[in-house]
Amino acid sequence: MAAPIRVLLVDDHDIVRMGLRGFLSGYDDIEIAGEAANGQQAVELAAELAPDIILMDMVMPVMDGIQAIQAIRDRKLRGNIIVLTSFATDDKVFPAIKSGAMGYLLKDSAPEDLLKAIRKVHKGEPSLAPDIARKLLAEISLPDKPETPTPEPLTPREVDILRLVAQGKSNKIIAEEVFVSEATVRTHMTNILSKLHLANRVQATLYALREGLASLSLEK
C-alpha cells in the first residue's frame, strides 16, 4: 500500500486550518504532517517535516505566502506547493507561479477540487483553477533571466514530451505513450526545463500553450 501524501497546512486563520484538517483527514491516502500560522513557520516546518505537499495561504503576518514560497525554493526544501487563497489578483498569482508553486486554487473552490489538486500535484502535475489558468495564459511573463531560451533547440522527442506535459499527463502515462522508461521521461524533462530556463512543469505547460504546442486547458 502506498504511503499517504503528507500535507503541511499554512494559514493564519485557525478555523481555516481546522476545516482543512477535518476534511483531508477523512481520506486514507492523506496525512496532515503539520500546521503553520505564517510563512516563517511554514519554512521552518518544511525543513523539519519534509512534507509532500504544502497548502499555502498568500496573505499572512510575519512572512507572506510569496516570500515563503521563495524561501522554500531557495533552500531547496521538500514539498510541492499549492496556493490556497481568496486572492486572484495579478500581484499574487504571477509571483506565486514564477516562484515555483505548482497549483493555485481559490478558497471558494469545491472540496473535491482541492482533493484532486493535492493528488495531481503530488504526482508532479500542475493544477490550476480554470480562471487562474486563463489569466496566466493571457498575461504571464515567463522567467526574466535569461529573457530568451537557449539557442539549442528542443529535439523532436522533447517537443513530443512537452506537448504531453501540457496535456497534464504524468511521467508514467507519457512513458507508456512514447514507449520509453519513466527515468527517460524525467531526463527529457530536465533537459527541456534547462533549455527553456523554466522552473517546473507549470511553467513548461504555460510555455507550450503560449507557443501553440498545445491547446488544452490546464485544468481537466
C-alpha atoms as a PDB file:
ATOM      1  CA  MET A   1       0.000   0.000   0.000  1.00  0.00           C
ATOM      2  CA  ALA A   2       1.383   3.403  -0.957  1.00  0.00           C
ATOM      3  CA  ALA A   3       2.429   5.798   1.790  1.00  0.00           C
ATOM      4  CA  PRO A   4      -0.048   8.615   2.438  1.00  0.00           C
ATOM      5  CA  ILE A   5       0.518  12.080   0.990  1.00  0.00           C
ATOM      6  CA  ARG A   6       1.911  14.186   3.842  1.00  0.00           C
ATOM      7  CA  VAL A   7       0.411  17.686   3.773  1.00  0.00           C
ATOM      8  CA  LEU A   8       1.571  20.823   5.592  1.00  0.00           C
ATOM      9  CA  LEU A   9      -1.257  23.319   6.179  1.00  0.00           C
ATOM     10  CA  VAL A  10      -0.266  27.001   6.126  1.00  0.00           C
ATOM     11  CA  ASP A  11      -2.887  29.630   7.004  1.00  0.00           C
ATOM     12  CA  ASP A  12      -3.082  32.351   9.633  1.00  0.00           C
ATOM     13  CA  HIS A  13      -6.716  31.580  10.449  1.00  0.00           C
ATOM     14  CA  ASP A  14      -7.204  28.769  12.961  1.00  0.00           C
ATOM     15  CA  ILE A  15     -10.698  27.999  11.690  1.00  0.00           C
ATOM     16  CA  VAL A  16      -9.434  27.543   8.111  1.00  0.00           C
ATOM     17  CA  ARG A  17      -6.732  25.117   9.219  1.00  0.00           C
ATOM     18  CA  MET A  18      -9.274  23.279  11.382  1.00  0.00           C
ATOM     19  CA  GLY A  19     -11.623  22.915   8.425  1.00  0.00           C
ATOM     20  CA  LEU A  20      -8.880  21.710   6.102  1.00  0.00           C
ATOM     21  CA  ARG A  21      -7.595  19.249   8.684  1.00  0.00           C
ATOM     22  CA  GLY A  22     -11.081  17.872   9.292  1.00  0.00           C
ATOM     23  CA  PHE A  23     -11.795  17.458   5.574  1.00  0.00           C
ATOM     24  CA  LEU A  24      -8.454  15.994   4.489  1.00  0.00           C
ATOM     25  CA  SER A  25      -8.119  13.668   7.487  1.00  0.00           C
ATOM     26  CA  GLY A  26     -11.128  11.756   6.189  1.00  0.00           C
ATOM     27  CA  TYR A  27      -9.067  10.272   3.333  1.00  0.00           C
ATOM     28  CA  ASP A  28      -6.770   7.308   3.852  1.00  0.00           C
ATOM     29  CA  ASP A  29      -4.245   8.499   1.280  1.00  0.00           C
ATOM     30  CA  ILE A  30      -3.673  11.863   3.009  1.00  0.00           C
ATOM     31  CA  GLU A  31      -1.925  12.614   6.307  1.00  0.00           C
ATOM     32  CA  ILE A  32      -1.640  16.043   7.952  1.00  0.00           C
ATOM     33  CA  ALA A  33       2.090  16.457   8.612  1.00  0.00           C
ATOM     34  CA  GLY A  34       1.800  19.769  10.444  1.00  0.00           C
ATOM     35  CA  GLU A  35       0.316  23.260  10.580  1.00  0.00           C
ATOM     36  CA  ALA A  36       1.807  26.750  10.323  1.00  0.00           C
ATOM     37  CA  ALA A  37       0.190  30.126  11.058  1.00  0.00           C
ATOM     38  CA  ASN A  38       2.540  32.232   8.924  1.00  0.00           C
ATOM     39  CA  GLY A  39       5.155  31.966   6.205  1.00  0.00           C
ATOM     40  CA  GLN A  40       8.112  31.877   8.557  1.00  0.00           C
ATOM     41  CA  GLN A  41       6.669  28.918  10.425  1.00  0.00           C
ATOM     42  CA  ALA A  42       5.952  27.279   7.065  1.00  0.00           C
ATOM     43  CA  VAL A  43       9.619  27.482   6.039  1.00  0.00           C
ATOM     44  CA  GLU A  44      10.757  26.129   9.407  1.00  0.00           C
ATOM     45  CA  LEU A  45       8.283  23.244   9.339  1.00  0.00           C
ATOM     46  CA  ALA A  46       9.030  22.433   5.701  1.00  0.00           C
ATOM     47  CA  ALA A  47      12.666  21.970   6.715  1.00  0.00           C
ATOM     48  CA  GLU A  48      11.745  19.919   9.791  1.00  0.00           C
ATOM     49  CA  LEU A  49       8.923  17.765   8.424  1.00  0.00           C
ATOM     50  CA  ALA A  50       9.783  17.374   4.711  1.00  0.00           C
ATOM     51  CA  PRO A  51       6.108  17.232   3.620  1.00  0.00           C
ATOM     52  CA  ASP A  52       4.990  16.045   0.199  1.00  0.00           C
ATOM     53  CA  ILE A  53       2.530  18.931  -0.297  1.00  0.00           C
ATOM     54  CA  ILE A  54       2.397  22.432   1.199  1.00  0.00           C
ATOM     55  CA  LEU A  55      -1.007  24.168   1.113  1.00  0.00           C
ATOM     56  CA  MET A  56      -0.002  27.841   1.237  1.00  0.00           C
ATOM     57  CA  ASP A  57      -2.121  30.888   2.025  1.00  0.00           C
ATOM     58  CA  MET A  58      -0.961  34.178   0.480  1.00  0.00           C
ATOM     59  CA  VAL A  59      -1.758  36.955   2.986  1.00  0.00           C
ATOM     60  CA  MET A  60      -0.244  36.203   6.417  1.00  0.00           C
ATOM     61  CA  PRO A  61       1.630  38.066   9.144  1.00  0.00           C
ATOM     62  CA  VAL A  62       5.409  37.864   9.737  1.00  0.00           C
ATOM     63  CA  MET A  63       6.092  36.422   6.258  1.00  0.00           C
ATOM     64  CA  ASP A  64       3.564  36.241   3.432  1.00  0.00           C
ATOM     65  CA  GLY A  65       2.980  33.316   1.111  1.00  0.00           C
ATOM     66  CA  ILE A  66       5.089  34.566  -1.791  1.00  0.00           C
ATOM     67  CA  GLN A  67       8.088  35.170   0.470  1.00  0.00           C
ATOM     68  CA  ALA A  68       7.617  31.715   1.977  1.00  0.00           C
ATOM     69  CA  ILE A  69       7.454  30.037  -1.436  1.00  0.00           C
ATOM     70  CA  GLN A  70      10.647  31.807  -2.484  1.00  0.00           C
ATOM     71  CA  ALA A  71      12.411  30.819   0.745  1.00  0.00           C
ATOM     72  CA  ILE A  72      11.330  27.182   0.444  1.00  0.00           C
ATOM     73  CA  ARG A  73      12.505  27.005  -3.157  1.00  0.00           C
ATOM     74  CA  ASP A  74      15.766  28.882  -2.458  1.00  0.00           C
ATOM     75  CA  ARG A  75      16.579  26.382   0.294  1.00  0.00           C
ATOM     76  CA  LYS A  76      15.521  23.503  -1.981  1.00  0.00           C
ATOM     77  CA  LEU A  77      13.219  22.111   0.707  1.00  0.00           C
ATOM     78  CA  ARG A  78      10.910  19.193   0.029  1.00  0.00           C
ATOM     79  CA  GLY A  79       7.253  19.810  -0.781  1.00  0.00           C
ATOM     80  CA  ASN A  80       5.275  20.700  -3.897  1.00  0.00           C
ATOM     81  CA  ILE A  81       3.373  23.908  -3.211  1.00  0.00           C
ATOM     82  CA  ILE A  82      -0.317  24.567  -3.826  1.00  0.00           C
ATOM     83  CA  VAL A  83      -1.515  28.099  -3.180  1.00  0.00           C
ATOM     84  CA  LEU A  84      -4.927  28.154  -1.498  1.00  0.00           C
ATOM     85  CA  THR A  85      -6.123  31.730  -1.174  1.00  0.00           C
ATOM     86  CA  SER A  86      -9.004  34.168  -1.538  1.00  0.00           C
ATOM     87  CA  PHE A  87      -6.999  36.352  -3.925  1.00  0.00           C
ATOM     88  CA  ALA A  88      -6.784  36.022  -7.706  1.00  0.00           C
ATOM     89  CA  THR A  89      -5.079  39.353  -8.396  1.00  0.00           C
ATOM     90  CA  ASP A  90      -2.063  39.621 -10.680  1.00  0.00           C
ATOM     91  CA  ASP A  91       0.264  40.656  -7.830  1.00  0.00           C
ATOM     92  CA  LYS A  92      -0.468  37.357  -6.077  1.00  0.00           C
ATOM     93  CA  VAL A  93      -0.897  34.882  -8.945  1.00  0.00           C
ATOM     94  CA  PHE A  94       2.126  35.722 -11.107  1.00  0.00           C
ATOM     95  CA  PRO A  95       4.792  35.887  -8.366  1.00  0.00           C
ATOM     96  CA  ALA A  96       3.494  32.674  -6.782  1.00  0.00           C
ATOM     97  CA  ILE A  97       3.751  30.693 -10.030  1.00  0.00           C
ATOM     98  CA  LYS A  98       7.093  32.254 -11.006  1.00  0.00           C
ATOM     99  CA  SER A  99       8.442  31.408  -7.544  1.00  0.00           C
ATOM    100  CA  GLY A 100       7.612  27.745  -8.034  1.00  0.00           C
ATOM    101  CA  ALA A 101       4.049  26.995  -6.907  1.00  0.00           C
ATOM    102  CA  MET A 102       2.617  24.048  -8.861  1.00  0.00           C
ATOM    103  CA  GLY A 103      -1.011  24.683  -8.015  1.00  0.00           C
ATOM    104  CA  TYR A 104      -3.233  27.703  -7.410  1.00  0.00           C
ATOM    105  CA  LEU A 105      -6.761  27.353  -6.042  1.00  0.00           C
ATOM    106  CA  LEU A 106      -9.227  29.814  -4.594  1.00  0.00           C
ATOM    107  CA  LYS A 107     -10.823  29.169  -1.207  1.00  0.00           C
ATOM    108  CA  ASP A 108     -14.272  29.082  -2.749  1.00  0.00           C
ATOM    109  CA  SER A 109     -13.276  26.030  -4.823  1.00  0.00           C
ATOM    110  CA  ALA A 110     -15.205  22.820  -4.272  1.00  0.00           C
ATOM    111  CA  PRO A 111     -13.622  20.482  -1.684  1.00  0.00           C
ATOM    112  CA  GLU A 112     -13.331  17.814  -4.378  1.00  0.00           C
ATOM    113  CA  ASP A 113     -11.211  20.211  -6.461  1.00  0.00           C
ATOM    114  CA  LEU A 114      -8.768  20.633  -3.574  1.00  0.00           C
ATOM    115  CA  LEU A 115      -8.517  16.870  -3.133  1.00  0.00           C
ATOM    116  CA  LYS A 116      -7.916  16.445  -6.866  1.00  0.00           C
ATOM    117  CA  ALA A 117      -5.262  19.177  -6.833  1.00  0.00           C
ATOM    118  CA  ILE A 118      -3.358  17.569  -3.956  1.00  0.00           C
ATOM    119  CA  ARG A 119      -3.248  14.216  -5.720  1.00  0.00           C
ATOM    120  CA  LYS A 120      -2.243  15.740  -9.075  1.00  0.00           C
ATOM    121  CA  VAL A 121       0.483  17.980  -7.674  1.00  0.00           C
ATOM    122  CA  HIS A 122       1.836  15.095  -5.599  1.00  0.00           C
ATOM    123  CA  LYS A 123       2.422  13.289  -8.906  1.00  0.00           C
ATOM    124  CA  GLY A 124       4.232  16.337 -10.281  1.00  0.00           C
ATOM    125  CA  GLU A 125       1.343  17.571 -12.417  1.00  0.00           C
ATOM    126  CA  PRO A 126       0.195  21.221 -12.377  1.00  0.00           C
ATOM    127  CA  SER A 127      -3.248  22.032 -11.047  1.00  0.00           C
ATOM    128  CA  LEU A 128      -4.703  25.493 -11.592  1.00  0.00           C
ATOM    129  CA  ALA A 129      -8.224  26.795 -11.119  1.00  0.00           C
ATOM    130  CA  PRO A 130      -9.715  27.496 -14.582  1.00  0.00           C
ATOM    131  CA  ASP A 131      -9.899  31.259 -14.014  1.00  0.00           C
ATOM    132  CA  ILE A 132      -6.274  31.301 -12.899  1.00  0.00           C
ATOM    133  CA  ALA A 133      -5.214  29.254 -15.930  1.00  0.00           C
ATOM    134  CA  ARG A 134      -6.886  31.714 -18.290  1.00  0.00           C
ATOM    135  CA  LYS A 135      -5.300  34.669 -16.507  1.00  0.00           C
ATOM    136  CA  LEU A 136      -1.855  33.109 -16.724  1.00  0.00           C
ATOM    137  CA  LEU A 137      -2.201  32.187 -20.376  1.00  0.00           C
ATOM    138  CA  ALA A 138      -3.298  35.711 -21.208  1.00  0.00           C
ATOM    139  CA  GLU A 139      -0.752  37.670 -19.254  1.00  0.00           C
ATOM    140  CA  ILE A 140       2.017  35.712 -17.562  1.00  0.00           C
ATOM    141  CA  SER A 141       5.622  36.629 -18.296  1.00  0.00           C
ATOM    142  CA  LEU A 142       7.919  33.656 -18.144  1.00  0.00           C
ATOM    143  CA  PRO A 143      11.117  33.942 -16.046  1.00  0.00           C
ATOM    144  CA  ASP A 144      13.106  37.113 -16.545  1.00  0.00           C
ATOM    145  CA  LYS A 145      16.590  35.671 -16.694  1.00  0.00           C
ATOM    146  CA  PRO A 146      17.705  34.895 -19.232  1.00  0.00           C
ATOM    147  CA  GLU A 147      14.975  36.541 -21.317  1.00  0.00           C
ATOM    148  CA  THR A 148      15.075  34.047 -24.176  1.00  0.00           C
ATOM    149  CA  PRO A 149      15.501  30.262 -24.293  1.00  0.00           C
ATOM    150  CA  THR A 150      18.900  28.787 -25.059  1.00  0.00           C
ATOM    151  CA  PRO A 151      19.831  28.744 -28.766  1.00  0.00           C
ATOM    152  CA  GLU A 152      19.925  24.928 -28.557  1.00  0.00           C
ATOM    153  CA  PRO A 153      16.540  23.805 -29.945  1.00  0.00           C
ATOM    154  CA  LEU A 154      14.342  21.137 -28.456  1.00  0.00           C
ATOM    155  CA  THR A 155      14.658  17.769 -30.140  1.00  0.00           C
ATOM    156  CA  PRO A 156      11.551  16.271 -31.788  1.00  0.00           C
ATOM    157  CA  ARG A 157      11.217  13.834 -28.867  1.00  0.00           C
ATOM    158  CA  GLU A 158      11.476  16.697 -26.356  1.00  0.00           C
ATOM    159  CA  VAL A 159       8.735  18.571 -28.217  1.00  0.00           C
ATOM    160  CA  ASP A 160       6.551  15.451 -28.033  1.00  0.00           C
ATOM    161  CA  ILE A 161       7.208  15.164 -24.288  1.00  0.00           C
ATOM    162  CA  LEU A 162       6.438  18.851 -23.780  1.00  0.00           C
ATOM    163  CA  ARG A 163       3.111  18.521 -25.609  1.00  0.00           C
ATOM    164  CA  LEU A 164       2.108  15.624 -23.358  1.00  0.00           C
ATOM    165  CA  VAL A 165       3.157  17.520 -20.245  1.00  0.00           C
ATOM    166  CA  ALA A 166       0.950  20.429 -21.369  1.00  0.00           C
ATOM    167  CA  GLN A 167      -1.965  17.978 -21.543  1.00  0.00           C
ATOM    168  CA  GLY A 168      -1.483  17.292 -17.825  1.00  0.00           C
ATOM    169  CA  LYS A 169      -0.154  13.753 -18.258  1.00  0.00           C
ATOM    170  CA  SER A 170       2.079  12.149 -15.652  1.00  0.00           C
ATOM    171  CA  ASN A 171       5.551  10.763 -16.346  1.00  0.00           C
ATOM    172  CA  LYS A 172       4.149   7.229 -16.160  1.00  0.00           C
ATOM    173  CA  ILE A 173       1.482   7.904 -18.810  1.00  0.00           C
ATOM    174  CA  ILE A 174       3.959   9.766 -21.026  1.00  0.00           C
ATOM    175  CA  ALA A 175       6.406   6.872 -20.799  1.00  0.00           C
ATOM    176  CA  GLU A 176       3.703   4.441 -21.910  1.00  0.00           C
ATOM    177  CA  GLU A 177       2.651   6.643 -24.834  1.00  0.00           C
ATOM    178  CA  VAL A 178       6.148   7.199 -26.238  1.00  0.00           C
ATOM    179  CA  PHE A 179       7.477   3.722 -25.324  1.00  0.00           C
ATOM    180  CA  VAL A 180      10.319   4.763 -23.017  1.00  0.00           C
ATOM    181  CA  SER A 181      11.002   4.381 -19.297  1.00  0.00           C
ATOM    182  CA  GLU A 182       9.871   6.884 -16.677  1.00  0.00           C
ATOM    183  CA  ALA A 183      13.548   7.615 -15.991  1.00  0.00           C
ATOM    184  CA  THR A 184      13.986   8.613 -19.649  1.00  0.00           C
ATOM    185  CA  VAL A 185      10.957  10.917 -19.428  1.00  0.00           C
ATOM    186  CA  ARG A 186      12.451  12.557 -16.329  1.00  0.00           C
ATOM    187  CA  THR A 187      15.725  13.061 -18.190  1.00  0.00           C
ATOM    188  CA  HIS A 188      13.894  14.661 -21.114  1.00  0.00           C
ATOM    189  CA  MET A 189      12.023  16.954 -18.707  1.00  0.00           C
ATOM    190  CA  THR A 190      15.270  18.024 -17.065  1.00  0.00           C
ATOM    191  CA  ASN A 191      16.693  18.874 -20.483  1.00  0.00           C
ATOM    192  CA  ILE A 192      13.535  20.748 -21.537  1.00  0.00           C
ATOM    193  CA  LEU A 193      13.477  22.870 -18.382  1.00  0.00           C
ATOM    194  CA  SER A 194      17.187  23.588 -18.713  1.00  0.00           C
ATOM    195  CA  LYS A 195      16.969  24.614 -22.376  1.00  0.00           C
ATOM    196  CA  LEU A 196      13.932  26.837 -21.840  1.00  0.00           C
ATOM    197  CA  HIS A 197      15.152  28.225 -18.487  1.00  0.00           C
ATOM    198  CA  LEU A 198      11.942  27.178 -16.745  1.00  0.00           C
ATOM    199  CA  ALA A 199      11.494  26.164 -13.116  1.00  0.00           C
ATOM    200  CA  ASN A 200       8.865  23.412 -13.233  1.00  0.00           C
ATOM    201  CA  ARG A 201       6.094  21.664 -15.165  1.00  0.00           C
ATOM    202  CA  VAL A 202       3.652  24.519 -14.604  1.00  0.00           C
ATOM    203  CA  GLN A 203       5.930  26.932 -16.438  1.00  0.00           C
ATOM    204  CA  ALA A 204       6.649  24.301 -19.097  1.00  0.00           C
ATOM    205  CA  THR A 205       2.909  23.852 -19.630  1.00  0.00           C
ATOM    206  CA  LEU A 206       2.355  27.596 -19.926  1.00  0.00           C
ATOM    207  CA  TYR A 207       5.247  27.851 -22.384  1.00  0.00           C
ATOM    208  CA  ALA A 208       3.825  25.057 -24.554  1.00  0.00           C
ATOM    209  CA  LEU A 209       0.385  26.649 -24.591  1.00  0.00           C
ATOM    210  CA  ARG A 210       1.753  30.098 -25.320  1.00  0.00           C
ATOM    211  CA  GLU A 211       3.884  28.783 -28.195  1.00  0.00           C
ATOM    212  CA  GLY A 212       0.984  26.842 -29.704  1.00  0.00           C
ATOM    213  CA  LEU A 213       2.427  23.410 -28.952  1.00  0.00           C
ATOM    214  CA  ALA A 214      -0.775  22.514 -27.097  1.00  0.00           C
ATOM    215  CA  SER A 215      -4.224  23.996 -26.794  1.00  0.00           C
ATOM    216  CA  LEU A 216      -5.904  22.159 -23.953  1.00  0.00           C
ATOM    217  CA  SER A 217      -6.981  23.789 -20.693  1.00  0.00           C
ATOM    218  CA  LEU A 218      -4.610  23.366 -17.787  1.00  0.00           C
ATOM    219  CA  GLU A 219      -7.441  22.037 -15.664  1.00  0.00           C
ATOM    220  CA  LYS A 220      -9.269  18.916 -16.812  1.00  0.00           C
END
